[in-house]
Amino acid sequence: MGTQVSKQVDRRKSVSAEKKTLCDLSGSCGHEFPGCDYHPPDRKNWMSGINPEKVHINQIVWPGTHDSATNKIGIPCITRPFAQCQSLSIYHQLCVGTRVLDIRVQEDRKICHGILVTYSIDVVIRDVKKFLSETQSEIIILEIRTEFGHEDPPEFDKYLEEQLGEYLIHQDDHVFGKTIAELLPKRIICVWKPRKSPQPKAGGPLWSAGHLKDNWVDTDLPSTKFENNMKHLSEQQPVHSRKFFYRVENTVTPQADNPILCVRPVTGRIRGYARLFINQCIAKGCADKLQIFSTDFIDGDFVDACAGLTHARVEGKA
């Protein structure tokens, strides 16, 4: 018992020290970067506001959500706090400016996060279609994967093609160099990541797993995650020379050996430092590598930061 208590005391000290590290870095470096003062007049249509005929797909800093469809997961006040990473519906995430969705499914086509389950994938598809029907020039990256430990939904690729066919941007490396306007009226880059089923083929309506990569660091220590995100990002090619999307997740996650297991207070340790991360990308010379930037509990300020850097790139200021 004494050893366990000592471990928890040490862990709390580590968390406190790492939070202070980020706080001190923020105080000394600030949150300024090219485009930091840009605020889209309409977040629901922020891509349209940047000029679809000018902005290339590989110039966009895509604001994304981690475990996007968890707003109603589990049982309220009982299991939900342990798995909920977003409080907004998919539709409202898109309206606030989210453009990359991270969807986890299990065999029966229900959304899941680990062992906890929520609504059907049909709810996600319906929300996406509703948003697209209300906008004209917003492009979405829809990543759908079979959750770890689960089986692939049968014939899921056919389901996605049937549901989203008119909107799907086909898998093609030339897409990265095209403008938004050149892709319209197609609106969705759908990346399907099955665990055992065959990967989508080149030229088809769905994109294979290799087109959306990341380096997930599973930790609840905010400075550790921040530094690892920067390290892995610095090892990537610049956005203009790679043919896949690379994601950085501004999140930390609860750990089983820590008494704080609810997502919100844990991820709050790093959530407020998204602008600092962009600032440090500039300072360390890897801003031209930042592409997808994701978070838990997305809000307008996070979207503004991504849209601002995108606007600066399009204007030749970053």
C-alpha atoms as a PDB file:
ATOM      1  CA  MET A   1       0.000   0.000   0.000  1.00  0.00           C
ATOM      2  CA  GLY A   2       2.785   2.423   0.919  1.00  0.00           C
ATOM      3  CA  THR A   3       4.551   1.802  -2.390  1.00  0.00           C
ATOM      4  CA  GLN A   4       1.351   2.514  -4.318  1.00  0.00           C
ATOM      5  CA  VAL A   5       0.739   5.751  -2.421  1.00  0.00           C
ATOM      6  CA  SER A   6       4.333   6.817  -3.057  1.00  0.00           C
ATOM      7  CA  LYS A   7       3.904   6.144  -6.783  1.00  0.00           C
ATOM      8  CA  GLN A   8       0.787   8.290  -6.899  1.00  0.00           C
ATOM      9  CA  VAL A   9       2.511  11.121  -5.043  1.00  0.00           C
ATOM     10  CA  ASP A  10       5.383  10.983  -7.538  1.00  0.00           C
ATOM     11  CA  ARG A  11       2.926  10.947 -10.433  1.00  0.00           C
ATOM     12  CA  ARG A  12       1.126  14.025  -9.136  1.00  0.00           C
ATOM     13  CA  LYS A  13       4.471  15.784  -8.788  1.00  0.00           C
ATOM     14  CA  SER A  14       5.349  14.882 -12.384  1.00  0.00           C
ATOM     15  CA  VAL A  15       2.020  16.188 -13.672  1.00  0.00           C
ATOM     16  CA  SER A  16       2.427  19.438 -11.733  1.00  0.00           C
ATOM     17  CA  ALA A  17       5.995  19.905 -12.962  1.00  0.00           C
ATOM     18  CA  GLU A  18       5.006  19.301 -16.583  1.00  0.00           C
ATOM     19  CA  LYS A  19       2.053  21.690 -16.368  1.00  0.00           C
ATOM     20  CA  LYS A  20       4.432  24.318 -15.001  1.00  0.00           C
ATOM     21  CA  THR A  21       6.875  23.660 -17.849  1.00  0.00           C
ATOM     22  CA  LEU A  22       4.215  24.471 -20.438  1.00  0.00           C
ATOM     23  CA  CYS A  23       2.972  27.444 -18.448  1.00  0.00           C
ATOM     24  CA  ASP A  24       6.499  28.861 -18.212  1.00  0.00           C
ATOM     25  CA  LEU A  25       7.116  28.256 -21.919  1.00  0.00           C
ATOM     26  CA  SER A  26       3.872  30.005 -22.734  1.00  0.00           C
ATOM     27  CA  GLY A  27       4.840  32.957 -20.581  1.00  0.00           C
ATOM     28  CA  SER A  28       8.236  33.353 -22.210  1.00  0.00           C
ATOM     29  CA  CYS A  29       7.293  32.641 -25.838  1.00  0.00           C
ATOM     30  CA  GLY A  30       3.696  33.799 -26.097  1.00  0.00           C
ATOM     31  CA  HIS A  31       1.155  32.536 -28.594  1.00  0.00           C
ATOM     32  CA  GLU A  32       1.920  34.705 -31.623  1.00  0.00           C
ATOM     33  CA  PHE A  33       2.432  33.297 -35.116  1.00  0.00           C
ATOM     34  CA  PRO A  34       1.614  34.398 -38.678  1.00  0.00           C
ATOM     35  CA  GLY A  35      -2.174  34.650 -38.878  1.00  0.00           C
ATOM     36  CA  CYS A  36      -2.703  34.429 -35.111  1.00  0.00           C
ATOM     37  CA  ASP A  37      -4.972  37.483 -35.146  1.00  0.00           C
ATOM     38  CA  TYR A  38      -7.157  36.133 -37.975  1.00  0.00           C
ATOM     39  CA  HIS A  39     -10.731  35.245 -37.023  1.00  0.00           C
ATOM     40  CA  PRO A  40     -13.032  33.795 -39.684  1.00  0.00           C
ATOM     41  CA  PRO A  41     -16.191  35.876 -39.987  1.00  0.00           C
ATOM     42  CA  ASP A  42     -18.153  32.615 -40.313  1.00  0.00           C
ATOM     43  CA  ARG A  43     -16.547  29.474 -38.889  1.00  0.00           C
ATOM     44  CA  LYS A  44     -19.164  27.284 -40.548  1.00  0.00           C
ATOM     45  CA  ASN A  45     -17.810  28.482 -43.904  1.00  0.00           C
ATOM     46  CA  TRP A  46     -14.227  29.331 -42.997  1.00  0.00           C
ATOM     47  CA  MET A  47     -12.705  27.596 -46.011  1.00  0.00           C
ATOM     48  CA  SER A  48     -14.981  29.563 -48.306  1.00  0.00           C
ATOM     49  CA  GLY A  49     -13.800  32.758 -46.633  1.00  0.00           C
ATOM     50  CA  ILE A  50     -10.155  32.046 -47.448  1.00  0.00           C
ATOM     51  CA  ASN A  51     -10.948  31.730 -51.181  1.00  0.00           C
ATOM     52  CA  PRO A  52     -11.404  28.170 -52.550  1.00  0.00           C
ATOM     53  CA  GLU A  53      -9.733  29.140 -55.829  1.00  0.00           C
ATOM     54  CA  LYS A  54      -6.490  30.047 -54.055  1.00  0.00           C
ATOM     55  CA  VAL A  55      -6.127  27.562 -51.214  1.00  0.00           C
ATOM     56  CA  HIS A  56      -4.505  24.234 -52.084  1.00  0.00           C
ATOM     57  CA  ILE A  57      -5.297  21.091 -50.103  1.00  0.00           C
ATOM     58  CA  ASN A  58      -1.693  20.830 -48.902  1.00  0.00           C
ATOM     59  CA  GLN A  59      -1.784  24.422 -47.581  1.00  0.00           C
ATOM     60  CA  ILE A  60      -4.639  23.795 -45.162  1.00  0.00           C
ATOM     61  CA  VAL A  61      -4.060  23.414 -41.429  1.00  0.00           C
ATOM     62  CA  TRP A  62      -6.999  21.125 -40.749  1.00  0.00           C
ATOM     63  CA  PRO A  63      -8.683  21.473 -37.324  1.00  0.00           C
ATOM     64  CA  GLY A  64      -9.706  17.998 -36.211  1.00  0.00           C
ATOM     65  CA  THR A  65     -11.376  16.265 -33.305  1.00  0.00           C
ATOM     66  CA  HIS A  66     -10.090  13.225 -31.431  1.00  0.00           C
ATOM     67  CA  ASP A  67     -12.694  10.469 -30.861  1.00  0.00           C
ATOM     68  CA  SER A  68     -15.173  12.710 -32.608  1.00  0.00           C
ATOM     69  CA  ALA A  69     -18.429  10.831 -32.050  1.00  0.00           C
ATOM     70  CA  THR A  70     -18.299  10.423 -28.273  1.00  0.00           C
ATOM     71  CA  ASN A  71     -20.645  13.222 -27.216  1.00  0.00           C
ATOM     72  CA  LYS A  72     -23.290  10.718 -26.077  1.00  0.00           C
ATOM     73  CA  ILE A  73     -21.147   7.669 -25.340  1.00  0.00           C
ATOM     74  CA  GLY A  74     -21.816   5.456 -22.314  1.00  0.00           C
ATOM     75  CA  ILE A  75     -24.128   6.348 -19.445  1.00  0.00           C
ATOM     76  CA  PRO A  76     -24.355  10.027 -18.389  1.00  0.00           C
ATOM     77  CA  CYS A  77     -22.495  10.799 -15.136  1.00  0.00           C
ATOM     78  CA  ILE A  78     -21.484   7.135 -14.766  1.00  0.00           C
ATOM     79  CA  THR A  79     -19.370   5.822 -17.647  1.00  0.00           C
ATOM     80  CA  ARG A  80     -19.526   8.795 -20.030  1.00  0.00           C
ATOM     81  CA  PRO A  81     -16.843  10.923 -18.295  1.00  0.00           C
ATOM     82  CA  PHE A  82     -14.309   8.113 -18.823  1.00  0.00           C
ATOM     83  CA  ALA A  83     -14.719   8.048 -22.614  1.00  0.00           C
ATOM     84  CA  GLN A  84     -16.257  11.335 -23.734  1.00  0.00           C
ATOM     85  CA  CYS A  85     -13.758  13.386 -25.754  1.00  0.00           C
ATOM     86  CA  GLN A  86     -16.246  15.765 -27.401  1.00  0.00           C
ATOM     87  CA  SER A  87     -19.351  17.474 -26.048  1.00  0.00           C
ATOM     88  CA  LEU A  88     -20.695  18.636 -29.427  1.00  0.00           C
ATOM     89  CA  SER A  89     -22.523  16.539 -32.005  1.00  0.00           C
ATOM     90  CA  ILE A  90     -20.794  15.840 -35.308  1.00  0.00           C
ATOM     91  CA  TYR A  91     -22.979  18.453 -36.999  1.00  0.00           C
ATOM     92  CA  HIS A  92     -22.144  21.135 -34.444  1.00  0.00           C
ATOM     93  CA  GLN A  93     -18.436  20.265 -34.570  1.00  0.00           C
ATOM     94  CA  LEU A  94     -18.524  20.868 -38.317  1.00  0.00           C
ATOM     95  CA  CYS A  95     -20.427  24.127 -37.826  1.00  0.00           C
ATOM     96  CA  VAL A  96     -17.807  25.397 -35.352  1.00  0.00           C
ATOM     97  CA  GLY A  97     -15.114  24.675 -37.958  1.00  0.00           C
ATOM     98  CA  THR A  98     -13.916  21.090 -37.484  1.00  0.00           C
ATOM     99  CA  ARG A  99     -12.778  19.595 -40.778  1.00  0.00           C
ATOM    100  CA  VAL A 100     -11.255  16.242 -39.733  1.00  0.00           C
ATOM    101  CA  LEU A 101     -13.387  13.622 -37.977  1.00  0.00           C
ATOM    102  CA  ASP A 102     -11.993  10.586 -36.134  1.00  0.00           C
ATOM    103  CA  ILE A 103     -14.707   7.911 -36.047  1.00  0.00           C
ATOM    104  CA  ARG A 104     -14.300   4.471 -34.398  1.00  0.00           C
ATOM    105  CA  VAL A 105     -16.705   1.634 -35.260  1.00  0.00           C
ATOM    106  CA  GLN A 106     -17.351  -1.925 -34.187  1.00  0.00           C
ATOM    107  CA  GLU A 107     -18.849  -4.891 -36.045  1.00  0.00           C
ATOM    108  CA  ASP A 108     -22.504  -3.771 -35.731  1.00  0.00           C
ATOM    109  CA  ARG A 109     -21.673  -0.311 -37.167  1.00  0.00           C
ATOM    110  CA  LYS A 110     -22.069   1.404 -33.817  1.00  0.00           C
ATOM    111  CA  ILE A 111     -19.567   4.010 -32.683  1.00  0.00           C
ATOM    112  CA  CYS A 112     -17.377   2.914 -29.790  1.00  0.00           C
ATOM    113  CA  HIS A 113     -14.486   4.041 -27.633  1.00  0.00           C
ATOM    114  CA  GLY A 114     -12.905   0.954 -26.128  1.00  0.00           C
ATOM    115  CA  ILE A 115     -15.702  -1.097 -24.565  1.00  0.00           C
ATOM    116  CA  LEU A 116     -18.209   1.775 -24.424  1.00  0.00           C
ATOM    117  CA  VAL A 117     -20.754   2.211 -27.194  1.00  0.00           C
ATOM    118  CA  THR A 118     -22.907   5.038 -28.515  1.00  0.00           C
ATOM    119  CA  TYR A 119     -25.090   5.695 -31.561  1.00  0.00           C
ATOM    120  CA  SER A 120     -24.890   4.126 -35.018  1.00  0.00           C
ATOM    121  CA  ILE A 121     -22.618   5.343 -37.809  1.00  0.00           C
ATOM    122  CA  ASP A 122     -25.865   6.405 -39.515  1.00  0.00           C
ATOM    123  CA  VAL A 123     -26.022   9.361 -37.100  1.00  0.00           C
ATOM    124  CA  VAL A 124     -22.562  10.516 -38.192  1.00  0.00           C
ATOM    125  CA  ILE A 125     -23.426  10.172 -41.885  1.00  0.00           C
ATOM    126  CA  ARG A 126     -26.668  12.082 -41.395  1.00  0.00           C
ATOM    127  CA  ASP A 127     -24.883  14.944 -39.605  1.00  0.00           C
ATOM    128  CA  VAL A 128     -22.179  15.125 -42.273  1.00  0.00           C
ATOM    129  CA  LYS A 129     -24.768  15.252 -45.062  1.00  0.00           C
ATOM    130  CA  LYS A 130     -26.764  17.924 -43.253  1.00  0.00           C
ATOM    131  CA  PHE A 131     -23.662  20.100 -42.944  1.00  0.00           C
ATOM    132  CA  LEU A 132     -22.666  19.606 -46.568  1.00  0.00           C
ATOM    133  CA  SER A 133     -26.181  20.500 -47.734  1.00  0.00           C
ATOM    134  CA  GLU A 134     -25.880  23.842 -45.908  1.00  0.00           C
ATOM    135  CA  THR A 135     -22.419  24.776 -47.223  1.00  0.00           C
ATOM    136  CA  GLN A 136     -20.767  24.925 -50.635  1.00  0.00           C
ATOM    137  CA  SER A 137     -16.962  24.917 -50.414  1.00  0.00           C
ATOM    138  CA  GLU A 138     -16.032  23.135 -47.166  1.00  0.00           C
ATOM    139  CA  ILE A 139     -13.912  19.974 -47.550  1.00  0.00           C
ATOM    140  CA  ILE A 140     -14.023  17.287 -44.843  1.00  0.00           C
ATOM    141  CA  ILE A 141     -11.566  14.498 -44.062  1.00  0.00           C
ATOM    142  CA  LEU A 142     -13.648  11.673 -42.650  1.00  0.00           C
ATOM    143  CA  GLU A 143     -11.455   9.016 -41.027  1.00  0.00           C
ATOM    144  CA  ILE A 144     -13.303   5.844 -40.041  1.00  0.00           C
ATOM    145  CA  ARG A 145     -11.485   2.962 -38.409  1.00  0.00           C
ATOM    146  CA  THR A 146     -12.382  -0.288 -36.718  1.00  0.00           C
ATOM    147  CA  GLU A 147     -11.680   0.215 -33.028  1.00  0.00           C
ATOM    148  CA  PHE A 148      -8.855  -1.838 -31.495  1.00  0.00           C
ATOM    149  CA  GLY A 149     -10.128  -5.204 -30.272  1.00  0.00           C
ATOM    150  CA  HIS A 150     -13.199  -5.184 -32.531  1.00  0.00           C
ATOM    151  CA  GLU A 151     -14.064  -6.835 -35.838  1.00  0.00           C
ATOM    152  CA  ASP A 152     -14.650  -4.946 -39.077  1.00  0.00           C
ATOM    153  CA  PRO A 153     -18.299  -4.238 -39.954  1.00  0.00           C
ATOM    154  CA  PRO A 154     -19.252  -6.534 -42.871  1.00  0.00           C
ATOM    155  CA  GLU A 155     -19.208  -4.869 -46.313  1.00  0.00           C
ATOM    156  CA  PHE A 156     -18.585  -1.501 -44.704  1.00  0.00           C
ATOM    157  CA  ASP A 157     -16.782  -0.104 -47.744  1.00  0.00           C
ATOM    158  CA  LYS A 158     -19.910  -0.646 -49.836  1.00  0.00           C
ATOM    159  CA  TYR A 159     -22.010   1.052 -47.164  1.00  0.00           C
ATOM    160  CA  LEU A 160     -19.767   4.146 -47.205  1.00  0.00           C
ATOM    161  CA  GLU A 161     -19.803   4.319 -50.994  1.00  0.00           C
ATOM    162  CA  GLU A 162     -23.591   4.019 -51.089  1.00  0.00           C
ATOM    163  CA  GLN A 163     -24.125   6.646 -48.401  1.00  0.00           C
ATOM    164  CA  LEU A 164     -21.513   9.211 -49.481  1.00  0.00           C
ATOM    165  CA  GLY A 165     -20.852   8.422 -53.141  1.00  0.00           C
ATOM    166  CA  GLU A 166     -21.884  11.798 -54.596  1.00  0.00           C
ATOM    167  CA  TYR A 167     -19.521  13.625 -52.208  1.00  0.00           C
ATOM    168  CA  LEU A 168     -16.470  11.348 -52.296  1.00  0.00           C
ATOM    169  CA  ILE A 169     -13.134  12.638 -53.594  1.00  0.00           C
ATOM    170  CA  HIS A 170     -11.420   9.585 -55.083  1.00  0.00           C
ATOM    171  CA  GLN A 171      -8.039   8.395 -53.828  1.00  0.00           C
ATOM    172  CA  ASP A 172      -5.481  10.202 -55.974  1.00  0.00           C
ATOM    173  CA  ASP A 173      -2.083  11.644 -55.036  1.00  0.00           C
ATOM    174  CA  HIS A 174      -2.748  14.646 -57.291  1.00  0.00           C
ATOM    175  CA  VAL A 175      -5.442  15.813 -54.848  1.00  0.00           C
ATOM    176  CA  PHE A 176      -2.817  17.255 -52.479  1.00  0.00           C
ATOM    177  CA  GLY A 177      -1.710  19.841 -55.036  1.00  0.00           C
ATOM    178  CA  LYS A 178      -5.189  20.868 -56.139  1.00  0.00           C
ATOM    179  CA  THR A 179      -7.238  23.800 -54.905  1.00  0.00           C
ATOM    180  CA  ILE A 180     -10.542  23.387 -53.118  1.00  0.00           C
ATOM    181  CA  ALA A 181     -12.310  24.812 -56.173  1.00  0.00           C
ATOM    182  CA  GLU A 182     -10.738  22.150 -58.406  1.00  0.00           C
ATOM    183  CA  LEU A 183     -12.205  19.378 -56.251  1.00  0.00           C
ATOM    184  CA  LEU A 184     -15.735  20.743 -56.004  1.00  0.00           C
ATOM    185  CA  PRO A 185     -18.511  19.622 -56.035  1.00  0.00           C
ATOM    186  CA  LYS A 186     -16.859  16.613 -54.353  1.00  0.00           C
ATOM    187  CA  ARG A 187     -16.448  17.360 -50.638  1.00  0.00           C
ATOM    188  CA  ILE A 188     -15.228  14.345 -48.616  1.00  0.00           C
ATOM    189  CA  ILE A 189     -11.870  12.604 -48.392  1.00  0.00           C
ATOM    190  CA  CYS A 190     -12.982   9.396 -46.680  1.00  0.00           C
ATOM    191  CA  VAL A 191     -10.158   7.337 -45.156  1.00  0.00           C
ATOM    192  CA  TRP A 192     -11.339   3.823 -44.281  1.00  0.00           C
ATOM    193  CA  LYS A 193      -9.042   1.882 -41.932  1.00  0.00           C
ATOM    194  CA  PRO A 194     -10.271  -1.701 -41.447  1.00  0.00           C
ATOM    195  CA  ARG A 195      -8.360  -4.047 -39.165  1.00  0.00           C
ATOM    196  CA  LYS A 196      -8.614  -7.198 -41.299  1.00  0.00           C
ATOM    197  CA  SER A 197     -10.628  -6.398 -44.417  1.00  0.00           C
ATOM    198  CA  PRO A 198      -8.786  -5.348 -47.600  1.00  0.00           C
ATOM    199  CA  GLN A 199      -7.574  -1.755 -47.779  1.00  0.00           C
ATOM    200  CA  PRO A 200      -9.242   0.572 -50.318  1.00  0.00           C
ATOM    201  CA  LYS A 201      -7.550   0.459 -53.716  1.00  0.00           C
ATOM    202  CA  ALA A 202      -5.834   3.346 -55.501  1.00  0.00           C
ATOM    203  CA  GLY A 203      -8.229   5.313 -57.676  1.00  0.00           C
ATOM    204  CA  GLY A 204     -11.285   4.190 -55.745  1.00  0.00           C
ATOM    205  CA  PRO A 205     -13.751   6.351 -53.819  1.00  0.00           C
ATOM    206  CA  LEU A 206     -12.206   5.546 -50.404  1.00  0.00           C
ATOM    207  CA  TRP A 207      -8.674   6.315 -49.206  1.00  0.00           C
ATOM    208  CA  SER A 208      -6.385   3.729 -47.592  1.00  0.00           C
ATOM    209  CA  ALA A 209      -4.832   3.931 -44.118  1.00  0.00           C
ATOM    210  CA  GLY A 210      -1.444   5.050 -45.409  1.00  0.00           C
ATOM    211  CA  HIS A 211      -2.922   8.376 -46.456  1.00  0.00           C
ATOM    212  CA  LEU A 212      -3.533   9.529 -42.868  1.00  0.00           C
ATOM    213  CA  LYS A 213      -0.685   8.972 -40.432  1.00  0.00           C
ATOM    214  CA  ASP A 214       0.238  10.041 -36.927  1.00  0.00           C
ATOM    215  CA  ASN A 215       2.531   9.106 -34.065  1.00  0.00           C
ATOM    216  CA  TRP A 216       0.244   8.516 -31.111  1.00  0.00           C
ATOM    217  CA  VAL A 217       1.930   9.014 -27.723  1.00  0.00           C
ATOM    218  CA  ASP A 218      -0.230   7.554 -24.961  1.00  0.00           C
ATOM    219  CA  THR A 219       0.473   9.676 -21.891  1.00  0.00           C
ATOM    220  CA  ASP A 220      -1.235  11.928 -19.377  1.00  0.00           C
ATOM    221  CA  LEU A 221       1.874  14.108 -19.002  1.00  0.00           C
ATOM    222  CA  PRO A 222       1.342  17.341 -20.976  1.00  0.00           C
ATOM    223  CA  SER A 223       4.923  18.481 -21.563  1.00  0.00           C
ATOM    224  CA  THR A 224       5.938  14.939 -22.549  1.00  0.00           C
ATOM    225  CA  LYS A 225       3.165  14.880 -25.155  1.00  0.00           C
ATOM    226  CA  PHE A 226       3.940  18.412 -26.362  1.00  0.00           C
ATOM    227  CA  GLU A 227       7.638  17.617 -26.846  1.00  0.00           C
ATOM    228  CA  ASN A 228       6.969  14.265 -28.520  1.00  0.00           C
ATOM    229  CA  ASN A 229       4.465  15.884 -30.881  1.00  0.00           C
ATOM    230  CA  MET A 230       7.120  18.417 -31.860  1.00  0.00           C
ATOM    231  CA  LYS A 231       9.798  15.737 -32.280  1.00  0.00           C
ATOM    232  CA  HIS A 232       7.663  13.521 -34.522  1.00  0.00           C
ATOM    233  CA  LEU A 233       6.423  16.486 -36.549  1.00  0.00           C
ATOM    234  CA  SER A 234       9.997  17.695 -37.139  1.00  0.00           C
ATOM    235  CA  GLU A 235      10.830  14.298 -38.670  1.00  0.00           C
ATOM    236  CA  GLN A 236       8.144  14.642 -41.376  1.00  0.00           C
ATOM    237  CA  GLN A 237       8.516  16.035 -44.873  1.00  0.00           C
ATOM    238  CA  PRO A 238       7.063  19.492 -45.578  1.00  0.00           C
ATOM    239  CA  VAL A 239       3.392  19.414 -46.565  1.00  0.00           C
ATOM    240  CA  HIS A 240       4.118  20.340 -50.198  1.00  0.00           C
ATOM    241  CA  SER A 241       6.286  17.250 -50.754  1.00  0.00           C
ATOM    242  CA  ARG A 242       4.287  14.448 -49.126  1.00  0.00           C
ATOM    243  CA  LYS A 243       1.339  12.470 -50.447  1.00  0.00           C
ATOM    244  CA  PHE A 244      -0.388  11.716 -47.180  1.00  0.00           C
ATOM    245  CA  PHE A 245      -1.958  13.657 -44.334  1.00  0.00           C
ATOM    246  CA  TYR A 246      -0.062  13.833 -41.051  1.00  0.00           C
ATOM    247  CA  ARG A 247      -1.880  14.465 -37.765  1.00  0.00           C
ATOM    248  CA  VAL A 248      -0.693  15.987 -34.509  1.00  0.00           C
ATOM    249  CA  GLU A 249      -3.064  15.532 -31.555  1.00  0.00           C
ATOM    250  CA  ASN A 250      -3.059  18.222 -28.883  1.00  0.00           C
ATOM    251  CA  THR A 251      -4.356  15.756 -26.293  1.00  0.00           C
ATOM    252  CA  VAL A 252      -3.286  13.792 -23.261  1.00  0.00           C
ATOM    253  CA  THR A 253      -5.204  10.755 -22.080  1.00  0.00           C
ATOM    254  CA  PRO A 254      -6.045   9.176 -18.715  1.00  0.00           C
ATOM    255  CA  GLN A 255      -3.829   6.285 -17.625  1.00  0.00           C
ATOM    256  CA  ALA A 256      -5.029   3.197 -15.776  1.00  0.00           C
ATOM    257  CA  ASP A 257      -2.467   3.593 -12.980  1.00  0.00           C
ATOM    258  CA  ASN A 258      -3.596   7.139 -12.185  1.00  0.00           C
ATOM    259  CA  PRO A 259      -6.620   7.900  -9.966  1.00  0.00           C
ATOM    260  CA  ILE A 260      -7.853  10.638 -12.343  1.00  0.00           C
ATOM    261  CA  LEU A 261      -9.549   8.709 -15.134  1.00  0.00           C
ATOM    262  CA  CYS A 262     -12.061  11.225 -16.501  1.00  0.00           C
ATOM    263  CA  VAL A 263     -11.056  12.627 -19.883  1.00  0.00           C
ATOM    264  CA  ARG A 264     -11.891  16.310 -19.450  1.00  0.00           C
ATOM    265  CA  PRO A 265      -9.667  17.182 -16.452  1.00  0.00           C
ATOM    266  CA  VAL A 266      -6.766  15.179 -17.868  1.00  0.00           C
ATOM    267  CA  THR A 267      -6.864  16.533 -21.418  1.00  0.00           C
ATOM    268  CA  GLY A 268      -7.295  20.012 -19.936  1.00  0.00           C
ATOM    269  CA  ARG A 269      -3.618  19.853 -18.976  1.00  0.00           C
ATOM    270  CA  ILE A 270      -2.598  20.460 -22.606  1.00  0.00           C
ATOM    271  CA  ARG A 271      -5.760  21.674 -24.333  1.00  0.00           C
ATOM    272  CA  GLY A 272      -5.038  25.370 -23.802  1.00  0.00           C
ATOM    273  CA  TYR A 273      -1.590  25.211 -25.397  1.00  0.00           C
ATOM    274  CA  ALA A 274      -2.570  24.716 -29.043  1.00  0.00           C
ATOM    275  CA  ARG A 275      -1.498  28.229 -30.024  1.00  0.00           C
ATOM    276  CA  LEU A 276       1.753  27.757 -28.130  1.00  0.00           C
ATOM    277  CA  PHE A 277       2.397  24.604 -30.169  1.00  0.00           C
ATOM    278  CA  ILE A 278       1.935  26.516 -33.427  1.00  0.00           C
ATOM    279  CA  ASN A 279       4.199  29.262 -32.059  1.00  0.00           C
ATOM    280  CA  GLN A 280       6.880  26.679 -31.333  1.00  0.00           C
ATOM    281  CA  CYS A 281       6.470  25.104 -34.772  1.00  0.00           C
ATOM    282  CA  ILE A 282       7.414  28.491 -36.210  1.00  0.00           C
ATOM    283  CA  ALA A 283      10.303  28.935 -33.771  1.00  0.00           C
ATOM    284  CA  LYS A 284      11.724  25.471 -34.481  1.00  0.00           C
ATOM    285  CA  GLY A 285      11.373  25.701 -38.250  1.00  0.00           C
ATOM    286  CA  CYS A 286       8.754  23.007 -38.780  1.00  0.00           C
ATOM    287  CA  ALA A 287       5.610  25.083 -39.346  1.00  0.00           C
ATOM    288  CA  ASP A 288       5.664  23.975 -42.992  1.00  0.00           C
ATOM    289  CA  LYS A 289       5.086  20.401 -41.762  1.00  0.00           C
ATOM    290  CA  LEU A 290       1.969  21.032 -39.691  1.00  0.00           C
ATOM    291  CA  GLN A 291      -1.156  19.753 -41.407  1.00  0.00           C
ATOM    292  CA  ILE A 292      -3.890  18.103 -39.302  1.00  0.00           C
ATOM    293  CA  PHE A 293      -4.115  19.440 -35.759  1.00  0.00           C
ATOM    294  CA  SER A 294      -6.633  17.689 -33.515  1.00  0.00           C
ATOM    295  CA  THR A 295      -8.002  18.213 -30.040  1.00  0.00           C
ATOM    296  CA  ASP A 296     -10.516  17.029 -27.472  1.00  0.00           C
ATOM    297  CA  PHE A 297     -13.535  19.266 -26.782  1.00  0.00           C
ATOM    298  CA  ILE A 298     -12.928  21.513 -29.777  1.00  0.00           C
ATOM    299  CA  ASP A 299     -13.864  25.181 -29.595  1.00  0.00           C
ATOM    300  CA  GLY A 300     -13.809  28.270 -31.796  1.00  0.00           C
ATOM    301  CA  ASP A 301     -10.391  29.482 -30.675  1.00  0.00           C
ATOM    302  CA  PHE A 302      -8.757  26.219 -31.764  1.00  0.00           C
ATOM    303  CA  VAL A 303     -10.426  26.519 -35.169  1.00  0.00           C
ATOM    304  CA  ASP A 304      -9.361  30.167 -35.467  1.00  0.00           C
ATOM    305  CA  ALA A 305      -5.732  29.219 -34.808  1.00  0.00           C
ATOM    306  CA  CYS A 306      -5.768  26.625 -37.611  1.00  0.00           C
ATOM    307  CA  ALA A 307      -7.678  28.864 -40.002  1.00  0.00           C
ATOM    308  CA  GLY A 308      -5.330  31.742 -39.192  1.00  0.00           C
ATOM    309  CA  LEU A 309      -2.188  29.811 -40.086  1.00  0.00           C
ATOM    310  CA  THR A 310      -3.916  28.520 -43.225  1.00  0.00           C
ATOM    311  CA  HIS A 311      -4.805  32.094 -44.228  1.00  0.00           C
ATOM    312  CA  ALA A 312      -1.196  33.177 -43.649  1.00  0.00           C
ATOM    313  CA  ARG A 313       0.072  30.345 -45.865  1.00  0.00           C
ATOM    314  CA  VAL A 314      -2.309  31.289 -48.673  1.00  0.00           C
ATOM    315  CA  GLU A 315      -1.240  34.927 -48.405  1.00  0.00           C
ATOM    316  CA  GLY A 316       2.441  33.920 -48.471  1.00  0.00           C
ATOM    317  CA  LYS A 317       3.091  35.027 -44.906  1.00  0.00           C
ATOM    318  CA  ALA A 318       3.929  31.606 -43.449  1.00  0.00           C
END
